[in-house]
N, C-alpha and C. Protein backbone atom coordinates (compact mmCIF):
# COMPACT_ATOMS: atom_id res chain seq x y z
N MET A 1 -3.02 -11.35 -7.52
CA MET A 1 -1.79 -12.32 -7.34
C MET A 1 -0.40 -12.41 -7.77
N ARG A 2 0.60 -12.53 -7.24
CA ARG A 2 1.82 -12.28 -8.54
C ARG A 2 2.03 -13.67 -7.59
N VAL A 3 2.46 -14.33 -8.83
CA VAL A 3 2.95 -15.91 -8.58
C VAL A 3 4.79 -15.72 -8.59
N ILE A 4 5.09 -16.23 -7.44
CA ILE A 4 6.95 -16.13 -7.56
C ILE A 4 7.27 -18.30 -7.77
N THR A 5 7.71 -18.39 -8.75
CA THR A 5 8.46 -19.46 -9.47
C THR A 5 9.10 -19.79 -8.46
N ASN A 6 9.29 -20.99 -8.17
CA ASN A 6 10.51 -21.28 -7.01
C ASN A 6 11.63 -21.96 -8.51
N ARG A 7 12.99 -20.93 -8.50
CA ARG A 7 14.12 -21.77 -9.31
C ARG A 7 15.10 -22.83 -8.59
N ARG A 8 14.58 -23.01 -7.25
CA ARG A 8 15.81 -23.87 -6.51
C ARG A 8 14.87 -25.38 -7.84
N PHE A 9 14.11 -25.81 -8.13
CA PHE A 9 13.55 -27.22 -8.81
C PHE A 9 13.27 -27.45 -10.15
N LEU A 10 14.53 -27.41 -10.80
CA LEU A 10 14.26 -28.76 -11.65
C LEU A 10 13.19 -29.06 -12.39
N PHE A 11 13.01 -29.40 -13.77
CA PHE A 11 12.00 -30.73 -14.03
C PHE A 11 12.45 -31.50 -14.60
N PRO A 12 11.89 -32.47 -13.97
CA PRO A 12 11.14 -33.03 -13.82
C PRO A 12 11.70 -32.05 -12.45
N SER A 13 10.62 -32.00 -11.68
CA SER A 13 10.47 -31.73 -9.88
C SER A 13 10.55 -33.23 -8.71
N PRO A 14 11.43 -33.25 -7.85
CA PRO A 14 11.21 -34.12 -7.25
C PRO A 14 10.94 -34.02 -5.51
N LEU A 15 9.87 -35.17 -5.51
CA LEU A 15 8.67 -35.33 -4.84
C LEU A 15 9.28 -34.01 -3.04
N ALA A 16 8.53 -33.53 -2.34
CA ALA A 16 8.94 -32.88 -1.23
C ALA A 16 9.98 -33.72 -0.62
N GLY A 17 10.90 -32.49 -0.02
CA GLY A 17 11.80 -33.00 0.70
C GLY A 17 12.85 -33.92 -0.09
N GLU A 18 13.37 -34.59 -1.26
CA GLU A 18 14.07 -35.15 -1.96
C GLU A 18 14.96 -34.18 -3.09
N GLY A 19 15.77 -34.40 -2.84
CA GLY A 19 17.19 -33.78 -4.16
C GLY A 19 17.69 -32.51 -3.32
N TRP A 20 18.49 -31.63 -3.67
CA TRP A 20 18.75 -30.42 -3.06
C TRP A 20 18.75 -29.27 -4.56
N GLY A 21 18.21 -29.92 -5.73
CA GLY A 21 18.18 -29.13 -7.19
C GLY A 21 19.38 -28.07 -7.51
N GLU A 22 18.74 -27.17 -8.53
CA GLU A 22 19.82 -26.46 -8.31
C GLU A 22 19.20 -25.19 -8.09
N GLY A 23 19.70 -24.00 -7.81
CA GLY A 23 19.10 -22.57 -7.92
C GLY A 23 20.32 -21.87 -7.09
N ASP A 24 19.51 -20.39 -7.32
CA ASP A 24 20.49 -19.32 -6.54
C ASP A 24 20.42 -19.02 -5.12
N PHE A 25 19.96 -19.68 -4.35
CA PHE A 25 19.95 -19.79 -3.40
C PHE A 25 19.69 -21.21 -2.33
N GLU A 26 20.88 -21.11 -1.46
CA GLU A 26 20.91 -22.10 -0.68
C GLU A 26 20.25 -22.10 0.65
N VAL A 27 19.92 -23.10 0.98
CA VAL A 27 19.38 -23.51 2.68
C VAL A 27 20.47 -23.78 3.47
N ARG A 28 20.79 -23.06 4.31
CA ARG A 28 21.98 -22.55 5.02
C ARG A 28 21.25 -23.49 6.73
N GLN A 29 22.04 -24.25 7.68
CA GLN A 29 21.55 -24.66 8.79
C GLN A 29 22.59 -24.11 10.12
N ARG A 30 21.93 -23.51 10.85
CA ARG A 30 22.46 -22.42 12.05
C ARG A 30 22.34 -23.50 13.47
N GLY A 31 23.03 -24.16 13.46
CA GLY A 31 22.99 -24.49 15.28
C GLY A 31 21.40 -25.86 15.13
N GLY A 32 21.64 -26.26 14.18
CA GLY A 32 20.52 -27.56 14.14
C GLY A 32 19.28 -27.16 13.40
N GLN A 33 18.97 -25.55 13.35
CA GLN A 33 17.68 -25.11 12.89
C GLN A 33 17.68 -24.14 11.93
N LEU A 34 16.86 -24.17 11.06
CA LEU A 34 16.89 -22.92 10.08
C LEU A 34 16.53 -21.81 10.55
N ASN A 35 17.36 -20.78 10.28
CA ASN A 35 16.07 -19.05 11.08
C ASN A 35 16.93 -18.12 9.62
N MET A 36 15.49 -17.38 9.34
CA MET A 36 15.23 -16.23 8.56
C MET A 36 15.45 -14.94 9.11
N GLU A 37 16.68 -14.30 8.40
CA GLU A 37 16.38 -12.69 9.42
C GLU A 37 15.65 -11.61 8.36
N ALA A 38 15.72 -10.72 9.30
CA ALA A 38 14.69 -9.95 8.53
C ALA A 38 15.94 -8.57 8.26
N TYR A 39 15.46 -7.55 6.59
CA TYR A 39 16.65 -7.05 6.12
C TYR A 39 15.71 -5.93 5.59
N ARG A 40 15.82 -4.85 5.73
CA ARG A 40 15.72 -3.80 5.03
C ARG A 40 16.51 -3.08 3.96
N ILE A 41 15.84 -3.40 2.62
CA ILE A 41 17.31 -2.35 1.38
C ILE A 41 16.01 -1.90 0.96
N GLY A 42 16.80 -0.64 0.65
CA GLY A 42 15.73 0.44 -0.12
C GLY A 42 14.33 0.56 1.15
N ASP A 43 13.26 0.09 0.24
CA ASP A 43 11.59 0.76 1.08
C ASP A 43 10.73 -0.92 0.60
N HIS A 44 12.11 -1.70 0.86
CA HIS A 44 11.83 -3.19 1.36
C HIS A 44 12.00 -3.90 2.60
N VAL A 45 11.33 -4.60 3.00
CA VAL A 45 11.50 -5.81 3.88
C VAL A 45 11.52 -7.29 3.38
N ILE A 46 12.54 -7.72 3.29
CA ILE A 46 12.85 -8.57 3.04
C ILE A 46 13.67 -10.01 3.94
N ALA A 47 12.56 -11.16 3.84
CA ALA A 47 12.99 -12.17 4.59
C ALA A 47 13.91 -13.63 4.50
N ALA A 48 15.39 -13.39 4.32
CA ALA A 48 16.23 -13.96 4.37
C ALA A 48 16.63 -14.83 4.96
N ASP A 49 17.46 -16.18 4.79
CA ASP A 49 18.56 -16.55 6.01
C ASP A 49 19.89 -15.96 6.00
N THR A 50 20.10 -15.31 4.42
CA THR A 50 21.80 -14.20 4.53
C THR A 50 21.55 -12.99 4.26
N GLU A 51 22.52 -12.17 4.43
CA GLU A 51 22.33 -10.90 4.17
C GLU A 51 22.62 -11.16 2.06
N GLU A 52 23.14 -12.01 1.84
CA GLU A 52 23.89 -12.21 0.22
C GLU A 52 22.77 -12.77 -0.36
N ASP A 53 21.46 -13.62 0.38
CA ASP A 53 20.49 -14.67 -0.64
C ASP A 53 19.13 -13.05 -0.41
N ALA A 54 19.61 -12.50 0.21
CA ALA A 54 18.51 -11.43 0.75
C ALA A 54 19.24 -10.27 -0.77
N ARG A 55 20.00 -9.82 -0.81
CA ARG A 55 20.72 -9.31 -2.03
C ARG A 55 20.53 -9.79 -3.21
N LEU A 56 20.85 -11.05 -3.44
CA LEU A 56 20.34 -11.61 -4.86
C LEU A 56 18.59 -11.76 -5.03
N PHE A 57 18.24 -11.83 -4.38
CA PHE A 57 16.79 -11.98 -4.11
C PHE A 57 15.95 -10.41 -4.88
N TYR A 58 16.78 -8.93 -3.93
CA TYR A 58 15.99 -7.83 -4.19
C TYR A 58 16.32 -7.70 -6.01
N LYS A 59 18.11 -8.28 -6.04
CA LYS A 59 18.18 -8.15 -7.32
C LYS A 59 16.97 -8.52 -8.51
N HIS A 60 17.35 -9.55 -8.36
CA HIS A 60 16.44 -10.49 -8.99
C HIS A 60 15.17 -10.57 -8.86
N GLU A 61 14.52 -10.20 -7.84
CA GLU A 61 12.63 -9.75 -7.79
C GLU A 61 12.90 -8.65 -8.00
N VAL A 62 12.87 -7.26 -7.73
CA VAL A 62 12.73 -5.78 -7.50
C VAL A 62 13.31 -5.52 -9.10
N GLY A 63 14.72 -5.62 -9.24
CA GLY A 63 15.29 -5.59 -10.26
C GLY A 63 16.16 -4.35 -10.24
N LEU A 64 16.89 -3.97 -9.19
CA LEU A 64 17.45 -2.86 -9.12
C LEU A 64 18.58 -3.21 -7.67
N ASP A 65 19.89 -3.17 -7.84
CA ASP A 65 20.61 -2.72 -7.02
C ASP A 65 20.74 -2.76 -5.64
N PRO A 66 20.79 -3.58 -5.35
CA PRO A 66 21.36 -3.03 -3.63
C PRO A 66 22.14 -2.35 -3.00
N PRO A 67 21.38 -1.40 -2.39
CA PRO A 67 22.53 -0.43 -1.96
C PRO A 67 23.75 -1.61 -1.10
N PRO A 68 24.62 -0.77 -0.99
CA PRO A 68 25.59 -0.85 -0.42
C PRO A 68 25.85 -1.21 0.97
N VAL A 69 24.83 -0.73 2.38
CA VAL A 69 24.48 -1.22 3.76
C VAL A 69 23.07 -1.45 3.19
N ILE A 70 23.10 -2.51 3.84
CA ILE A 70 21.70 -3.18 4.47
C ILE A 70 21.56 -3.46 5.69
N GLU A 71 20.11 -2.78 6.26
CA GLU A 71 19.87 -3.30 8.22
C GLU A 71 19.30 -4.27 8.17
N ALA A 72 19.86 -4.67 9.03
CA ALA A 72 18.96 -6.18 9.93
C ALA A 72 18.34 -5.36 10.47
N LEU A 73 17.04 -5.69 10.80
CA LEU A 73 15.99 -5.11 11.35
C LEU A 73 15.70 -6.60 12.25
N SER A 74 14.64 -6.29 13.57
CA SER A 74 14.44 -6.93 14.42
C SER A 74 12.79 -7.81 13.62
N VAL A 75 12.87 -8.73 14.12
CA VAL A 75 11.75 -9.23 13.57
C VAL A 75 10.54 -9.48 14.93
N SER A 76 10.95 -8.25 15.49
CA SER A 76 9.08 -7.96 16.40
C SER A 76 9.12 -6.13 16.05
N LEU A 77 9.74 -5.95 15.19
CA LEU A 77 9.62 -5.00 14.87
C LEU A 77 8.23 -4.60 13.40
N GLU A 78 6.85 -3.57 13.92
CA GLU A 78 6.21 -3.31 13.84
C GLU A 78 6.10 -2.92 11.97
N VAL A 79 5.24 -3.53 10.95
CA VAL A 79 5.12 -2.79 9.56
C VAL A 79 3.98 -2.84 9.02
N PRO A 80 3.35 -2.43 8.18
CA PRO A 80 2.95 -2.44 7.20
C PRO A 80 1.83 -3.58 6.97
N ALA A 81 1.26 -4.19 7.06
CA ALA A 81 0.35 -5.36 6.98
C ALA A 81 -0.82 -5.32 5.67
N GLY A 82 -1.15 -3.91 5.44
CA GLY A 82 -2.05 -4.05 4.29
C GLY A 82 -3.50 -3.41 4.70
N GLU A 83 -4.18 -3.06 4.17
CA GLU A 83 -5.55 -2.52 4.90
C GLU A 83 -5.73 -1.72 6.11
N GLY A 84 -4.17 -1.02 5.66
CA GLY A 84 -3.92 -0.17 7.12
C GLY A 84 -3.69 -0.85 8.86
N LYS A 85 -3.99 -2.16 8.61
CA LYS A 85 -3.38 -2.70 9.66
C LYS A 85 -1.59 -2.69 9.95
N THR A 86 -1.27 -3.23 10.76
CA THR A 86 0.16 -3.39 11.39
C THR A 86 0.67 -4.64 11.71
N ALA A 87 1.62 -5.50 11.53
CA ALA A 87 1.75 -6.50 12.45
C ALA A 87 2.91 -7.03 12.51
N THR A 88 3.98 -7.94 13.41
CA THR A 88 5.39 -7.76 13.98
C THR A 88 5.41 -7.73 12.47
N ILE A 89 6.96 -8.29 11.84
CA ILE A 89 7.92 -9.00 10.52
C ILE A 89 7.54 -10.32 10.95
N ARG A 90 7.66 -11.10 12.54
CA ARG A 90 7.71 -12.20 12.74
C ARG A 90 6.36 -12.91 12.22
N ASP A 91 4.96 -12.09 12.36
CA ASP A 91 3.68 -12.73 12.30
C ASP A 91 3.86 -12.87 10.77
N ILE A 92 4.25 -12.30 10.36
CA ILE A 92 4.44 -12.15 8.75
C ILE A 92 5.19 -13.23 8.25
N MET A 93 6.15 -13.24 8.82
CA MET A 93 7.16 -14.86 8.14
C MET A 93 6.76 -16.09 8.56
N ASN A 94 5.60 -15.63 9.83
CA ASN A 94 5.45 -16.81 10.32
C ASN A 94 4.47 -17.59 9.43
N LYS A 95 3.24 -16.55 8.81
CA LYS A 95 2.17 -16.94 8.36
C LYS A 95 2.78 -17.36 6.78
N VAL A 96 3.56 -16.75 6.46
CA VAL A 96 4.40 -17.34 4.68
C VAL A 96 4.98 -18.42 4.85
N LEU A 97 5.15 -18.52 6.13
CA LEU A 97 6.45 -20.11 6.16
C LEU A 97 5.57 -21.24 6.63
N ASP A 98 3.96 -20.82 7.59
CA ASP A 98 2.88 -22.01 7.36
C ASP A 98 2.07 -22.54 6.05
N GLU A 99 2.43 -21.48 5.62
CA GLU A 99 1.49 -21.38 4.03
C GLU A 99 2.52 -22.61 3.31
N ARG A 100 3.70 -22.17 3.29
CA ARG A 100 4.81 -23.32 2.68
C ARG A 100 4.54 -24.53 2.46
N ASN A 101 4.65 -24.65 4.42
CA ASN A 101 4.32 -25.98 5.04
C ASN A 101 3.65 -26.44 4.68
N SER A 102 2.33 -25.77 4.61
CA SER A 102 1.04 -26.86 3.95
C SER A 102 1.17 -27.08 2.29
N TRP A 103 2.28 -26.72 1.68
CA TRP A 103 2.14 -26.86 0.09
C TRP A 103 3.09 -28.24 0.03
N LEU A 104 4.04 -28.19 1.21
CA LEU A 104 4.96 -29.35 1.60
C LEU A 104 4.38 -30.35 1.88
N ARG A 105 3.31 -30.20 2.78
CA ARG A 105 2.30 -31.37 2.86
C ARG A 105 1.34 -31.91 2.34
N MET A 106 1.38 -31.39 1.50
CA MET A 106 0.66 -31.59 0.42
C MET A 106 1.30 -32.35 -0.92
N GLY A 107 2.36 -32.32 -0.71
CA GLY A 107 3.34 -33.29 -1.93
C GLY A 107 3.66 -31.76 -2.70
N VAL A 108 3.99 -30.75 -2.44
CA VAL A 108 4.22 -29.88 -3.73
C VAL A 108 5.55 -29.41 -3.01
N PRO A 109 6.97 -29.49 -4.08
CA PRO A 109 7.86 -29.06 -3.69
C PRO A 109 7.89 -27.80 -3.63
N CYS A 110 8.49 -27.71 -2.80
CA CYS A 110 8.40 -25.86 -2.13
C CYS A 110 9.95 -25.46 -1.18
N ASP A 111 10.61 -24.78 -1.73
CA ASP A 111 11.54 -24.56 -0.75
C ASP A 111 11.34 -23.72 0.31
N LEU A 112 11.30 -23.88 1.59
CA LEU A 112 10.74 -23.28 2.72
C LEU A 112 10.91 -22.20 2.55
N HIS A 113 12.49 -21.87 2.67
CA HIS A 113 13.11 -20.90 3.12
C HIS A 113 13.63 -20.01 2.45
N TYR A 114 12.80 -20.11 0.93
CA TYR A 114 13.03 -19.24 0.08
C TYR A 114 13.02 -17.89 0.27
N PRO A 115 13.78 -16.93 0.17
CA PRO A 115 12.98 -15.20 0.40
C PRO A 115 12.07 -14.58 -0.43
N PHE A 116 12.06 -13.86 0.69
CA PHE A 116 10.05 -13.30 0.30
C PHE A 116 10.23 -11.56 0.90
N ILE A 117 9.46 -10.89 -0.04
CA ILE A 117 9.34 -9.68 0.28
C ILE A 117 8.47 -9.65 1.67
N VAL A 118 8.44 -8.98 3.18
CA VAL A 118 8.03 -8.98 3.97
C VAL A 118 6.98 -8.09 3.95
N SER A 119 7.65 -6.58 3.55
CA SER A 119 6.45 -5.62 3.53
C SER A 119 7.07 -4.31 2.46
N LYS A 120 6.84 -3.43 2.11
CA LYS A 120 6.18 -2.64 1.48
C LYS A 120 6.82 -1.53 2.07
N LEU A 121 7.76 -0.78 2.56
CA LEU A 121 7.84 0.43 3.80
C LEU A 121 7.34 1.99 3.09
């Protein structure tokens, strides 16, 4: 299991919901709600708020420069979910966001909308 550290909060960590911290990725609001989109970069499907966040995340986490053209995917698209199973991008995104909400409910600082890899194609 690989742990992705959250670059948004600096030590000492603020309590969940307090402060904005410093980091590479910003939380953006659209119409009062936060929306994550799915982007295909190379053979990875990445969930992020914007294409720019997806590019930065790909460069930091995968270690490669993203291609000039990135494909936006529908969240209804089915992707590999491990062990020969498939799931929609929406289902995987909801699962990760539910896990992050659990951390927030326990008082652990966590950026709910930090980009993540949904699947590798």
